[in-house]
Amino acid sequence: ITECYPKHHQEIEADLTKVKTKVANINTAMNNLITREREITKKGEDVKKQIHTQSQLIINLVQQSERQLVQQVDTVVQQKIQLLTKQKEEAETVLKQLKGRE
């Protein structure tokens, strides 16, 4: 037994060293994968924030355009109503003058 033990012990130690090396390599690979996963997640969040920011800018521009268009419509409507009111007043004046001649 004393003769076989050192030989087997050496073989076991060599195999154990190989296993420890493989475990260390796998741990390194796992750490790299975890790091990459975090990077991908962060990049995804950054892209989402950019999309949200750009969307808000576009929404704000559309709302501003809407307000401007509504204001333009209101102005045009008011001008047309004023014109019609003036025409109506002129027509009433002419009508009064015509009735006065009867």
Protein backbone atom coordinates (compact mmCIF):
# COMPACT_ATOMS: atom_id res chain seq x y z
CA ILE A 1 0.00 0.00 0.00
CA THR A 2 2.80 2.39 0.83
CA GLU A 3 4.27 1.76 -2.60
CA CYS A 4 0.98 2.26 -4.52
CA TYR A 5 -0.26 5.21 -2.50
CA PRO A 6 2.24 7.83 -3.74
CA LYS A 7 1.65 6.85 -7.36
CA HIS A 8 -2.16 6.95 -7.06
CA HIS A 9 -1.97 10.07 -4.95
CA GLN A 10 0.04 11.77 -7.69
CA GLU A 11 -2.45 10.71 -10.37
CA ILE A 12 -5.36 11.90 -8.23
CA GLU A 13 -3.59 15.22 -7.56
CA ALA A 14 -2.95 15.65 -11.30
CA ASP A 15 -6.59 14.90 -12.12
CA LEU A 16 -7.73 17.20 -9.31
CA THR A 17 -5.55 20.00 -10.68
CA LYS A 18 -7.13 19.51 -14.13
CA VAL A 19 -10.61 19.64 -12.60
CA LYS A 20 -9.73 22.76 -10.60
CA THR A 21 -8.42 24.40 -13.78
CA LYS A 22 -11.62 23.50 -15.63
CA VAL A 23 -13.73 24.86 -12.74
CA ALA A 24 -11.72 28.09 -12.75
CA ASN A 25 -12.14 28.40 -16.54
CA ILE A 26 -15.88 27.78 -16.28
CA ASN A 27 -16.18 30.35 -13.47
CA THR A 28 -14.33 32.87 -15.62
CA ALA A 29 -16.63 32.10 -18.55
CA MET A 30 -19.68 32.44 -16.30
CA ASN A 31 -18.46 35.78 -14.98
CA ASN A 32 -17.92 36.96 -18.57
CA LEU A 33 -21.45 35.84 -19.48
CA ILE A 34 -22.92 37.63 -16.47
CA THR A 35 -21.01 40.79 -17.35
CA ARG A 36 -22.21 40.60 -20.96
CA GLU A 37 -25.78 40.02 -19.80
CA ARG A 38 -25.61 43.17 -17.63
CA GLU A 39 -24.18 45.16 -20.54
CA ILE A 40 -26.97 43.98 -22.85
CA THR A 41 -29.62 44.78 -20.25
CA LYS A 42 -28.19 48.26 -19.69
CA LYS A 43 -27.98 48.90 -23.43
CA GLY A 44 -31.60 47.82 -23.80
CA GLU A 45 -32.68 50.22 -21.05
CA ASP A 46 -30.69 53.04 -22.65
CA VAL A 47 -32.35 52.39 -26.01
CA LYS A 48 -35.79 52.38 -24.36
CA LYS A 49 -35.03 55.74 -22.72
CA GLN A 50 -33.92 57.17 -26.07
CA ILE A 51 -37.09 55.91 -27.73
CA HIS A 52 -39.21 57.44 -24.96
CA THR A 53 -37.37 60.78 -25.17
CA GLN A 54 -37.70 60.94 -28.97
CA SER A 55 -41.36 59.94 -28.76
CA GLN A 56 -42.03 62.72 -26.26
CA LEU A 57 -40.32 65.24 -28.53
CA ILE A 58 -42.44 64.13 -31.48
CA ILE A 59 -45.62 64.22 -29.36
CA ASN A 60 -44.77 67.73 -28.17
CA LEU A 61 -44.18 68.89 -31.75
CA VAL A 62 -47.48 67.40 -32.90
CA GLN A 63 -49.33 69.02 -29.99
CA GLN A 64 -47.71 72.37 -30.78
CA SER A 65 -48.72 72.02 -34.43
CA GLU A 66 -52.25 71.13 -33.35
CA ARG A 67 -52.46 74.27 -31.20
CA GLN A 68 -51.18 76.42 -34.06
CA LEU A 69 -53.64 74.91 -36.53
CA VAL A 70 -56.55 75.31 -34.12
CA GLN A 71 -55.55 78.92 -33.54
CA GLN A 72 -55.39 79.52 -37.30
CA VAL A 73 -58.83 77.98 -37.75
CA ASP A 74 -60.20 80.13 -34.93
CA THR A 75 -58.71 83.25 -36.56
CA VAL A 76 -60.15 82.39 -39.98
CA VAL A 77 -63.57 81.61 -38.48
CA GLN A 78 -63.56 84.88 -36.53
CA GLN A 79 -62.60 86.86 -39.65
CA LYS A 80 -65.35 85.22 -41.69
CA ILE A 81 -67.92 85.84 -38.95
CA GLN A 82 -66.87 89.50 -38.76
CA LEU A 83 -67.20 89.79 -42.53
CA LEU A 84 -70.63 88.17 -42.47
CA THR A 85 -71.72 90.41 -39.59
CA LYS A 86 -70.61 93.48 -41.55
CA GLN A 87 -72.39 92.24 -44.68
CA LYS A 88 -75.51 91.53 -42.62
CA GLU A 89 -75.43 95.04 -41.14
CA GLU A 90 -75.02 96.54 -44.62
CA ALA A 91 -77.89 94.43 -45.91
CA GLU A 92 -80.09 95.58 -43.01
CA THR A 93 -79.17 99.20 -43.76
CA VAL A 94 -80.07 98.78 -47.43
CA LEU A 95 -83.27 97.00 -46.46
CA LYS A 96 -84.25 99.86 -44.11
CA GLN A 97 -83.53 102.39 -46.85
CA LEU A 98 -85.67 100.44 -49.31
CA LYS A 99 -88.51 100.12 -46.81
CA GLY A 100 -88.27 103.83 -46.10
CA ARG A 101 -88.90 104.62 -49.78
CA GLU A 102 -92.10 102.69 -49.93
